[in-house]
Amino acid sequence: MSYTEQDVHEGRRLMDDGRENRLVIGDKLLAVTAIGGDGDFDRYCDEISLNPRTARQYRHTARMCTPPVRQFVADSGVHVSYSVLREGARLASSGKPYDEGYSTLRAVIGEAHQSGGTRISVAHYQRALGTGPALQDLLNPCGDTSVADYLRALPPHERDKALRDLVEKSDEVHDAMKRVMDEKRRRDRETRGPECGGGRPDRAQAMARDLVRLRDQASAFMNRYPPSYAVDFTEEQQAACEEALGTMEVLATWIRVRVGDRTTAASRERVEARDLVAVG
């Protein structure tokens, strides 16, 4: 084994420090944005270089994880990560946290004391809550649990239900799964280049792959902002969009020139071949 018990002890201490730091950041977010709206919140997140989506998770978890709960966890002697606290604060379809007041977490920690356990894993906590991981965590390639890992750990009858829930529960789930599959197909194209031919890479193949990538990005962009997606640009935003549009028009012309030469030549050859057949 490449690590020692001391390494585990130090790693858990660092994770506990990370848990406390995230909760303190959440407290700060609650304090400085209590009066302002989403605009103030997003600007503050930008000032401290924090992703607004992550910041909202910190803020919500800090609100749900009250000082008595934090003290109980700190005094328990059982390793509890921030991810566990975030799971308990996660909102169910009812709009309430899955573990409001963290009563289930308290019970799980009590069971750990009785059995000699030293940590509470997210998966263990989810089983106690009767929940599964959040979809965004399953689909996040950097997340703690992948879709395959989650499904593999379930009994067969629960696995079938989980699969149905993943594909049928809501449009959000379906859209998220579609984005993952589109990204996988894009990576496959970049790796194998099925639409660009195989063999040794050359400039033509590289250019064709880059054009395919641009097409995918354009398709994704249009899917994100359908005609029903109403927008009202400021003057600065309008100017930026118009500048981007001009660049795209130049790009489209450039592509037509580079690709059209070969297309025109091929069409000319087909016409000449038809003429020769007709003359014969």
C-alpha atoms as a PDB file:
ATOM      1  CA  MET A   1       0.000   0.000   0.000  1.00  0.00           C
ATOM      2  CA  SER A   2       1.355   3.397  -0.974  1.00  0.00           C
ATOM      3  CA  TYR A   3      -0.043   5.269   2.061  1.00  0.00           C
ATOM      4  CA  THR A   4      -0.012   4.881   5.815  1.00  0.00           C
ATOM      5  CA  GLU A   5      -2.540   5.346   8.601  1.00  0.00           C
ATOM      6  CA  GLN A   6      -0.870   8.681   9.284  1.00  0.00           C
ATOM      7  CA  ASP A   7      -1.537   9.722   5.672  1.00  0.00           C
ATOM      8  CA  VAL A   8      -5.207   8.815   6.137  1.00  0.00           C
ATOM      9  CA  HIS A   9      -5.379  10.783   9.401  1.00  0.00           C
ATOM     10  CA  GLU A  10      -3.816  13.863   7.821  1.00  0.00           C
ATOM     11  CA  GLY A  11      -5.997  13.580   4.702  1.00  0.00           C
ATOM     12  CA  ARG A  12      -9.171  13.426   6.776  1.00  0.00           C
ATOM     13  CA  ARG A  13      -8.037  16.431   8.806  1.00  0.00           C
ATOM     14  CA  LEU A  14      -7.538  18.390   5.601  1.00  0.00           C
ATOM     15  CA  MET A  15     -10.973  17.328   4.372  1.00  0.00           C
ATOM     16  CA  ASP A  16     -12.500  18.416   7.694  1.00  0.00           C
ATOM     17  CA  ASP A  17     -10.768  21.777   7.295  1.00  0.00           C
ATOM     18  CA  GLY A  18     -12.230  21.995   3.795  1.00  0.00           C
ATOM     19  CA  ARG A  19     -15.689  21.270   5.174  1.00  0.00           C
ATOM     20  CA  GLU A  20     -15.387  24.068   7.710  1.00  0.00           C
ATOM     21  CA  ASN A  21     -13.971  26.477   5.133  1.00  0.00           C
ATOM     22  CA  ARG A  22     -16.880  25.852   2.745  1.00  0.00           C
ATOM     23  CA  LEU A  23     -19.395  26.411   5.514  1.00  0.00           C
ATOM     24  CA  VAL A  24     -17.677  29.664   6.519  1.00  0.00           C
ATOM     25  CA  ILE A  25     -17.720  30.798   2.881  1.00  0.00           C
ATOM     26  CA  GLY A  26     -21.430  29.974   2.842  1.00  0.00           C
ATOM     27  CA  ASP A  27     -21.917  32.070   5.977  1.00  0.00           C
ATOM     28  CA  LYS A  28     -20.122  34.960   4.306  1.00  0.00           C
ATOM     29  CA  LEU A  29     -22.291  34.656   1.221  1.00  0.00           C
ATOM     30  CA  LEU A  30     -25.395  34.718   3.405  1.00  0.00           C
ATOM     31  CA  ALA A  31     -24.169  37.837   5.189  1.00  0.00           C
ATOM     32  CA  VAL A  32     -23.036  39.992   2.287  1.00  0.00           C
ATOM     33  CA  THR A  33     -25.895  39.175  -0.096  1.00  0.00           C
ATOM     34  CA  ALA A  34     -28.810  39.170   2.363  1.00  0.00           C
ATOM     35  CA  ILE A  35     -30.112  42.532   1.115  1.00  0.00           C
ATOM     36  CA  GLY A  36     -29.043  42.534  -2.537  1.00  0.00           C
ATOM     37  CA  GLY A  37     -30.543  40.465  -5.345  1.00  0.00           C
ATOM     38  CA  ASP A  38     -29.066  37.916  -7.725  1.00  0.00           C
ATOM     39  CA  GLY A  39     -27.130  40.630  -9.516  1.00  0.00           C
ATOM     40  CA  ASP A  40     -25.256  41.589  -6.350  1.00  0.00           C
ATOM     41  CA  PHE A  41     -24.680  37.929  -5.552  1.00  0.00           C
ATOM     42  CA  ASP A  42     -23.187  37.191  -8.969  1.00  0.00           C
ATOM     43  CA  ARG A  43     -20.986  40.297  -8.838  1.00  0.00           C
ATOM     44  CA  TYR A  44     -19.678  39.343  -5.402  1.00  0.00           C
ATOM     45  CA  CYS A  45     -18.913  35.812  -6.634  1.00  0.00           C
ATOM     46  CA  ASP A  46     -16.966  37.324  -9.506  1.00  0.00           C
ATOM     47  CA  GLU A  47     -15.031  39.536  -7.089  1.00  0.00           C
ATOM     48  CA  ILE A  48     -13.905  36.512  -5.055  1.00  0.00           C
ATOM     49  CA  SER A  49     -13.433  34.242  -8.113  1.00  0.00           C
ATOM     50  CA  LEU A  50     -16.129  31.761  -7.104  1.00  0.00           C
ATOM     51  CA  ASN A  51     -18.509  30.085  -9.521  1.00  0.00           C
ATOM     52  CA  PRO A  52     -22.064  31.367  -8.732  1.00  0.00           C
ATOM     53  CA  ARG A  53     -23.549  27.875  -8.972  1.00  0.00           C
ATOM     54  CA  THR A  54     -21.031  26.523  -6.466  1.00  0.00           C
ATOM     55  CA  ALA A  55     -21.560  29.596  -4.302  1.00  0.00           C
ATOM     56  CA  ARG A  56     -25.303  28.964  -4.139  1.00  0.00           C
ATOM     57  CA  GLN A  57     -24.610  25.425  -2.946  1.00  0.00           C
ATOM     58  CA  TYR A  58     -22.268  26.747  -0.251  1.00  0.00           C
ATOM     59  CA  ARG A  59     -24.836  29.318   0.837  1.00  0.00           C
ATOM     60  CA  HIS A  60     -27.700  26.834   0.977  1.00  0.00           C
ATOM     61  CA  THR A  61     -25.700  24.190   2.844  1.00  0.00           C
ATOM     62  CA  ALA A  62     -24.475  26.776   5.346  1.00  0.00           C
ATOM     63  CA  ARG A  63     -28.062  27.906   5.946  1.00  0.00           C
ATOM     64  CA  MET A  64     -29.264  24.332   6.551  1.00  0.00           C
ATOM     65  CA  CYS A  65     -26.241  23.234   8.600  1.00  0.00           C
ATOM     66  CA  THR A  66     -26.773  25.313  11.734  1.00  0.00           C
ATOM     67  CA  PRO A  67     -24.043  25.915  14.361  1.00  0.00           C
ATOM     68  CA  PRO A  68     -25.386  23.155  16.686  1.00  0.00           C
ATOM     69  CA  VAL A  69     -25.197  20.633  13.841  1.00  0.00           C
ATOM     70  CA  ARG A  70     -21.680  21.734  12.970  1.00  0.00           C
ATOM     71  CA  GLN A  71     -20.586  21.414  16.595  1.00  0.00           C
ATOM     72  CA  PHE A  72     -22.148  17.952  16.859  1.00  0.00           C
ATOM     73  CA  VAL A  73     -20.281  16.785  13.762  1.00  0.00           C
ATOM     74  CA  ALA A  74     -16.997  18.323  14.929  1.00  0.00           C
ATOM     75  CA  ASP A  75     -17.289  16.686  18.368  1.00  0.00           C
ATOM     76  CA  SER A  76     -18.412  13.296  17.054  1.00  0.00           C
ATOM     77  CA  GLY A  77     -14.953  11.992  16.208  1.00  0.00           C
ATOM     78  CA  VAL A  78     -16.437  10.544  12.995  1.00  0.00           C
ATOM     79  CA  HIS A  79     -15.135  11.817   9.665  1.00  0.00           C
ATOM     80  CA  VAL A  80     -17.936  13.658   7.835  1.00  0.00           C
ATOM     81  CA  SER A  81     -17.088  15.452   4.598  1.00  0.00           C
ATOM     82  CA  TYR A  82     -18.705  18.580   3.222  1.00  0.00           C
ATOM     83  CA  SER A  83     -20.270  16.420   0.493  1.00  0.00           C
ATOM     84  CA  VAL A  84     -22.249  14.580   3.177  1.00  0.00           C
ATOM     85  CA  LEU A  85     -23.583  17.818   4.637  1.00  0.00           C
ATOM     86  CA  ARG A  86     -24.460  19.049   1.144  1.00  0.00           C
ATOM     87  CA  GLU A  87     -26.384  15.818   0.514  1.00  0.00           C
ATOM     88  CA  GLY A  88     -28.491  16.321   3.628  1.00  0.00           C
ATOM     89  CA  ALA A  89     -29.258  19.905   2.617  1.00  0.00           C
ATOM     90  CA  ARG A  90     -30.241  18.950  -0.928  1.00  0.00           C
ATOM     91  CA  LEU A  91     -33.871  19.774  -1.648  1.00  0.00           C
ATOM     92  CA  ALA A  92     -36.344  16.995  -2.381  1.00  0.00           C
ATOM     93  CA  SER A  93     -39.247  17.376  -4.806  1.00  0.00           C
ATOM     94  CA  SER A  94     -41.314  18.615  -1.849  1.00  0.00           C
ATOM     95  CA  GLY A  95     -39.033  21.635  -1.589  1.00  0.00           C
ATOM     96  CA  LYS A  96     -37.692  20.552   1.815  1.00  0.00           C
ATOM     97  CA  PRO A  97     -34.158  19.283   2.536  1.00  0.00           C
ATOM     98  CA  TYR A  98     -33.758  15.522   2.454  1.00  0.00           C
ATOM     99  CA  ASP A  99     -32.448  15.633   6.035  1.00  0.00           C
ATOM    100  CA  GLU A 100     -33.956  18.732   7.592  1.00  0.00           C
ATOM    101  CA  GLY A 101     -32.220  19.329  10.909  1.00  0.00           C
ATOM    102  CA  TYR A 102     -29.814  16.477  10.042  1.00  0.00           C
ATOM    103  CA  SER A 103     -31.627  14.048  12.314  1.00  0.00           C
ATOM    104  CA  THR A 104     -30.765  11.129  10.037  1.00  0.00           C
ATOM    105  CA  LEU A 105     -27.097  12.119  10.010  1.00  0.00           C
ATOM    106  CA  ARG A 106     -27.112  12.212  13.809  1.00  0.00           C
ATOM    107  CA  ALA A 107     -28.544   8.687  13.836  1.00  0.00           C
ATOM    108  CA  VAL A 108     -25.986   7.439  11.304  1.00  0.00           C
ATOM    109  CA  ILE A 109     -23.147   8.917  13.364  1.00  0.00           C
ATOM    110  CA  GLY A 110     -24.594   7.210  16.453  1.00  0.00           C
ATOM    111  CA  GLU A 111     -24.608   3.878  14.609  1.00  0.00           C
ATOM    112  CA  ALA A 112     -20.995   4.468  13.584  1.00  0.00           C
ATOM    113  CA  HIS A 113     -20.041   4.949  17.232  1.00  0.00           C
ATOM    114  CA  GLN A 114     -21.696   1.681  18.178  1.00  0.00           C
ATOM    115  CA  SER A 115     -20.107  -0.296  15.365  1.00  0.00           C
ATOM    116  CA  GLY A 116     -16.674   1.274  15.637  1.00  0.00           C
ATOM    117  CA  GLY A 117     -16.973   3.114  12.337  1.00  0.00           C
ATOM    118  CA  THR A 118     -14.707   6.085  11.741  1.00  0.00           C
ATOM    119  CA  ARG A 119     -16.321   7.813   8.757  1.00  0.00           C
ATOM    120  CA  ILE A 120     -19.629   8.423   7.015  1.00  0.00           C
ATOM    121  CA  SER A 121     -19.499   8.073   3.234  1.00  0.00           C
ATOM    122  CA  VAL A 122     -21.888   9.847   0.911  1.00  0.00           C
ATOM    123  CA  ALA A 123     -23.175   6.501  -0.395  1.00  0.00           C
ATOM    124  CA  HIS A 124     -23.865   5.252   3.151  1.00  0.00           C
ATOM    125  CA  TYR A 125     -25.708   8.449   4.009  1.00  0.00           C
ATOM    126  CA  GLN A 126     -27.754   8.264   0.799  1.00  0.00           C
ATOM    127  CA  ARG A 127     -28.850   4.728   1.649  1.00  0.00           C
ATOM    128  CA  ALA A 128     -29.946   5.917   5.092  1.00  0.00           C
ATOM    129  CA  LEU A 129     -31.895   8.769   3.506  1.00  0.00           C
ATOM    130  CA  GLY A 130     -33.361   6.533   0.816  1.00  0.00           C
ATOM    131  CA  THR A 131     -32.033   8.807  -1.898  1.00  0.00           C
ATOM    132  CA  GLY A 132     -29.656   8.638  -4.812  1.00  0.00           C
ATOM    133  CA  PRO A 133     -26.980  11.115  -5.791  1.00  0.00           C
ATOM    134  CA  ALA A 134     -27.963  14.342  -7.491  1.00  0.00           C
ATOM    135  CA  LEU A 135     -28.074  14.069 -11.263  1.00  0.00           C
ATOM    136  CA  GLN A 136     -25.476  16.813 -11.698  1.00  0.00           C
ATOM    137  CA  ASP A 137     -23.068  14.814  -9.510  1.00  0.00           C
ATOM    138  CA  LEU A 138     -23.655  11.618 -11.499  1.00  0.00           C
ATOM    139  CA  LEU A 139     -23.068  13.356 -14.812  1.00  0.00           C
ATOM    140  CA  ASN A 140     -20.072  15.339 -13.628  1.00  0.00           C
ATOM    141  CA  PRO A 141     -16.940  13.563 -14.929  1.00  0.00           C
ATOM    142  CA  CYS A 142     -15.029  14.920 -11.914  1.00  0.00           C
ATOM    143  CA  GLY A 143     -17.694  13.902  -9.394  1.00  0.00           C
ATOM    144  CA  ASP A 144     -17.374  11.379  -6.589  1.00  0.00           C
ATOM    145  CA  THR A 145     -19.746   8.879  -8.203  1.00  0.00           C
ATOM    146  CA  SER A 146     -20.330   8.058 -11.869  1.00  0.00           C
ATOM    147  CA  VAL A 147     -23.602   6.753 -13.287  1.00  0.00           C
ATOM    148  CA  ALA A 148     -21.986   3.335 -13.794  1.00  0.00           C
ATOM    149  CA  ASP A 149     -20.643   3.214 -10.213  1.00  0.00           C
ATOM    150  CA  TYR A 150     -23.999   4.253  -8.777  1.00  0.00           C
ATOM    151  CA  LEU A 151     -25.979   1.682 -10.752  1.00  0.00           C
ATOM    152  CA  ARG A 152     -23.449  -1.085 -10.101  1.00  0.00           C
ATOM    153  CA  ALA A 153     -23.869  -0.675  -6.344  1.00  0.00           C
ATOM    154  CA  LEU A 154     -27.666  -1.111  -6.470  1.00  0.00           C
ATOM    155  CA  PRO A 155     -29.577  -4.388  -6.173  1.00  0.00           C
ATOM    156  CA  PRO A 156     -31.136  -5.475  -9.523  1.00  0.00           C
ATOM    157  CA  HIS A 157     -34.694  -4.365  -8.676  1.00  0.00           C
ATOM    158  CA  GLU A 158     -33.501  -0.956  -7.503  1.00  0.00           C
ATOM    159  CA  ARG A 159     -31.246  -0.604 -10.525  1.00  0.00           C
ATOM    160  CA  ASP A 160     -34.183  -0.982 -12.921  1.00  0.00           C
ATOM    161  CA  LYS A 161     -36.145   1.673 -11.049  1.00  0.00           C
ATOM    162  CA  ALA A 162     -33.167   4.029 -11.002  1.00  0.00           C
ATOM    163  CA  LEU A 163     -32.712   3.645 -14.752  1.00  0.00           C
ATOM    164  CA  ARG A 164     -36.369   4.456 -15.377  1.00  0.00           C
ATOM    165  CA  ASP A 165     -36.138   7.487 -13.114  1.00  0.00           C
ATOM    166  CA  LEU A 166     -33.037   8.737 -14.898  1.00  0.00           C
ATOM    167  CA  VAL A 167     -34.629   8.676 -18.331  1.00  0.00           C
ATOM    168  CA  GLU A 168     -38.268   9.449 -17.466  1.00  0.00           C
ATOM    169  CA  LYS A 169     -38.328  11.716 -14.431  1.00  0.00           C
ATOM    170  CA  SER A 170     -38.136  15.113 -16.112  1.00  0.00           C
ATOM    171  CA  ASP A 171     -37.075  17.096 -19.143  1.00  0.00           C
ATOM    172  CA  GLU A 172     -34.051  18.281 -17.158  1.00  0.00           C
ATOM    173  CA  VAL A 173     -32.810  14.715 -16.791  1.00  0.00           C
ATOM    174  CA  HIS A 174     -33.375  13.985 -20.468  1.00  0.00           C
ATOM    175  CA  ASP A 175     -31.568  17.164 -21.526  1.00  0.00           C
ATOM    176  CA  ALA A 176     -28.656  16.442 -19.204  1.00  0.00           C
ATOM    177  CA  MET A 177     -28.296  12.893 -20.559  1.00  0.00           C
ATOM    178  CA  LYS A 178     -28.438  14.265 -24.104  1.00  0.00           C
ATOM    179  CA  ARG A 179     -25.656  16.728 -23.348  1.00  0.00           C
ATOM    180  CA  VAL A 180     -23.483  13.923 -21.991  1.00  0.00           C
ATOM    181  CA  MET A 181     -24.081  11.755 -25.074  1.00  0.00           C
ATOM    182  CA  ASP A 182     -23.423  14.684 -27.418  1.00  0.00           C
ATOM    183  CA  GLU A 183     -20.160  15.375 -25.618  1.00  0.00           C
ATOM    184  CA  LYS A 184     -19.179  11.696 -25.884  1.00  0.00           C
ATOM    185  CA  ARG A 185     -19.885  11.697 -29.614  1.00  0.00           C
ATOM    186  CA  ARG A 186     -17.839  14.861 -30.004  1.00  0.00           C
ATOM    187  CA  ARG A 187     -14.873  13.292 -28.200  1.00  0.00           C
ATOM    188  CA  ASP A 188     -15.218  10.159 -30.327  1.00  0.00           C
ATOM    189  CA  ARG A 189     -15.103  12.252 -33.487  1.00  0.00           C
ATOM    190  CA  GLU A 190     -12.023  14.079 -32.286  1.00  0.00           C
ATOM    191  CA  THR A 191     -10.329  10.774 -31.438  1.00  0.00           C
ATOM    192  CA  ARG A 192     -11.317   8.693 -34.445  1.00  0.00           C
ATOM    193  CA  GLY A 193     -12.529  11.269 -36.937  1.00  0.00           C
ATOM    194  CA  PRO A 194     -15.240   9.018 -38.497  1.00  0.00           C
ATOM    195  CA  GLU A 195     -16.565  11.844 -40.633  1.00  0.00           C
ATOM    196  CA  CYS A 196     -13.095  12.982 -41.640  1.00  0.00           C
ATOM    197  CA  GLY A 197     -11.505   9.743 -42.718  1.00  0.00           C
ATOM    198  CA  GLY A 198      -8.876   7.639 -40.999  1.00  0.00           C
ATOM    199  CA  GLY A 199      -5.219   7.168 -41.661  1.00  0.00           C
ATOM    200  CA  ARG A 200      -2.351   9.430 -40.780  1.00  0.00           C
ATOM    201  CA  PRO A 201      -3.484  12.905 -39.620  1.00  0.00           C
ATOM    202  CA  ASP A 202      -2.713  15.732 -42.046  1.00  0.00           C
ATOM    203  CA  ARG A 203      -3.712  19.362 -42.472  1.00  0.00           C
ATOM    204  CA  ALA A 204      -6.875  18.509 -44.399  1.00  0.00           C
ATOM    205  CA  GLN A 205      -7.985  16.033 -41.755  1.00  0.00           C
ATOM    206  CA  ALA A 206      -7.214  18.491 -38.940  1.00  0.00           C
ATOM    207  CA  MET A 207      -9.189  21.217 -40.704  1.00  0.00           C
ATOM    208  CA  ALA A 208     -12.132  18.883 -41.328  1.00  0.00           C
ATOM    209  CA  ARG A 209     -12.187  17.858 -37.665  1.00  0.00           C
ATOM    210  CA  ASP A 210     -12.092  21.472 -36.535  1.00  0.00           C
ATOM    211  CA  LEU A 211     -15.011  22.283 -38.836  1.00  0.00           C
ATOM    212  CA  VAL A 212     -16.971  19.350 -37.421  1.00  0.00           C
ATOM    213  CA  ARG A 213     -16.221  20.684 -33.946  1.00  0.00           C
ATOM    214  CA  LEU A 214     -17.461  24.131 -34.958  1.00  0.00           C
ATOM    215  CA  ARG A 215     -20.638  22.590 -36.329  1.00  0.00           C
ATOM    216  CA  ASP A 216     -21.244  20.784 -33.017  1.00  0.00           C
ATOM    217  CA  GLN A 217     -20.691  23.989 -31.082  1.00  0.00           C
ATOM    218  CA  ALA A 218     -23.103  25.843 -33.359  1.00  0.00           C
ATOM    219  CA  SER A 219     -25.747  23.127 -32.923  1.00  0.00           C
ATOM    220  CA  ALA A 220     -25.318  23.188 -29.151  1.00  0.00           C
ATOM    221  CA  PHE A 221     -25.592  26.975 -29.141  1.00  0.00           C
ATOM    222  CA  MET A 222     -28.860  26.940 -31.080  1.00  0.00           C
ATOM    223  CA  ASN A 223     -30.258  24.218 -28.807  1.00  0.00           C
ATOM    224  CA  ARG A 224     -29.422  26.295 -25.724  1.00  0.00           C
ATOM    225  CA  TYR A 225     -31.205  29.355 -27.093  1.00  0.00           C
ATOM    226  CA  PRO A 226     -34.285  28.251 -29.086  1.00  0.00           C
ATOM    227  CA  PRO A 227     -36.575  30.819 -30.766  1.00  0.00           C
ATOM    228  CA  SER A 228     -38.777  30.873 -27.668  1.00  0.00           C
ATOM    229  CA  TYR A 229     -35.822  32.055 -25.549  1.00  0.00           C
ATOM    230  CA  ALA A 230     -36.559  35.792 -25.306  1.00  0.00           C
ATOM    231  CA  VAL A 231     -33.647  38.170 -24.662  1.00  0.00           C
ATOM    232  CA  ASP A 232     -33.331  41.922 -24.211  1.00  0.00           C
ATOM    233  CA  PHE A 233     -29.759  43.054 -24.849  1.00  0.00           C
ATOM    234  CA  THR A 234     -28.154  46.153 -23.416  1.00  0.00           C
ATOM    235  CA  GLU A 235     -26.358  48.436 -25.860  1.00  0.00           C
ATOM    236  CA  GLU A 236     -22.997  46.901 -24.978  1.00  0.00           C
ATOM    237  CA  GLN A 237     -24.344  43.361 -25.361  1.00  0.00           C
ATOM    238  CA  GLN A 238     -25.982  44.243 -28.674  1.00  0.00           C
ATOM    239  CA  ALA A 239     -22.704  45.672 -29.986  1.00  0.00           C
ATOM    240  CA  ALA A 240     -20.792  42.577 -28.877  1.00  0.00           C
ATOM    241  CA  CYS A 241     -23.320  40.277 -30.557  1.00  0.00           C
ATOM    242  CA  GLU A 242     -23.189  42.255 -33.789  1.00  0.00           C
ATOM    243  CA  GLU A 243     -19.405  42.075 -33.786  1.00  0.00           C
ATOM    244  CA  ALA A 244     -19.582  38.310 -33.230  1.00  0.00           C
ATOM    245  CA  LEU A 245     -22.123  38.024 -36.064  1.00  0.00           C
ATOM    246  CA  GLY A 246     -19.765  39.868 -38.407  1.00  0.00           C
ATOM    247  CA  THR A 247     -16.952  37.485 -37.522  1.00  0.00           C
ATOM    248  CA  MET A 248     -19.223  34.485 -38.124  1.00  0.00           C
ATOM    249  CA  GLU A 249     -20.209  35.834 -41.550  1.00  0.00           C
ATOM    250  CA  VAL A 250     -16.527  36.224 -42.486  1.00  0.00           C
ATOM    251  CA  LEU A 251     -15.907  32.689 -41.210  1.00  0.00           C
ATOM    252  CA  ALA A 252     -18.772  31.279 -43.278  1.00  0.00           C
ATOM    253  CA  THR A 253     -17.392  32.973 -46.404  1.00  0.00           C
ATOM    254  CA  TRP A 254     -13.890  31.700 -45.625  1.00  0.00           C
ATOM    255  CA  ILE A 255     -15.191  28.129 -45.260  1.00  0.00           C
ATOM    256  CA  ARG A 256     -17.140  28.372 -48.521  1.00  0.00           C
ATOM    257  CA  VAL A 257     -14.004  29.525 -50.345  1.00  0.00           C
ATOM    258  CA  ARG A 258     -11.789  26.800 -48.865  1.00  0.00           C
ATOM    259  CA  VAL A 259     -14.303  23.971 -49.204  1.00  0.00           C
ATOM    260  CA  GLY A 260     -16.142  25.313 -52.255  1.00  0.00           C
ATOM    261  CA  ASP A 261     -13.093  25.165 -54.513  1.00  0.00           C
ATOM    262  CA  ARG A 262     -12.984  21.393 -54.284  1.00  0.00           C
ATOM    263  CA  THR A 263     -16.781  21.107 -54.512  1.00  0.00           C
ATOM    264  CA  THR A 264     -16.830  23.310 -57.640  1.00  0.00           C
ATOM    265  CA  ALA A 265     -14.030  21.307 -59.229  1.00  0.00           C
ATOM    266  CA  ALA A 266     -15.820  18.029 -58.504  1.00  0.00           C
ATOM    267  CA  SER A 267     -19.056  19.399 -60.010  1.00  0.00           C
ATOM    268  CA  ARG A 268     -17.176  20.554 -63.095  1.00  0.00           C
ATOM    269  CA  GLU A 269     -15.633  17.096 -63.542  1.00  0.00           C
ATOM    270  CA  ARG A 270     -19.074  15.471 -63.289  1.00  0.00           C
ATOM    271  CA  VAL A 271     -20.454  17.840 -65.940  1.00  0.00           C
ATOM    272  CA  GLU A 272     -17.512  17.155 -68.270  1.00  0.00           C
ATOM    273  CA  ALA A 273     -17.936  13.413 -67.787  1.00  0.00           C
ATOM    274  CA  ARG A 274     -21.653  13.682 -68.645  1.00  0.00           C
ATOM    275  CA  ASP A 275     -20.836  15.682 -71.745  1.00  0.00           C
ATOM    276  CA  LEU A 276     -18.332  13.056 -72.893  1.00  0.00           C
ATOM    277  CA  VAL A 277     -20.893  10.291 -72.426  1.00  0.00           C
ATOM    278  CA  ALA A 278     -23.497  12.292 -74.335  1.00  0.00           C
ATOM    279  CA  VAL A 279     -21.080  12.926 -77.202  1.00  0.00           C
ATOM    280  CA  GLY A 280     -20.102   9.267 -77.351  1.00  0.00           C
END
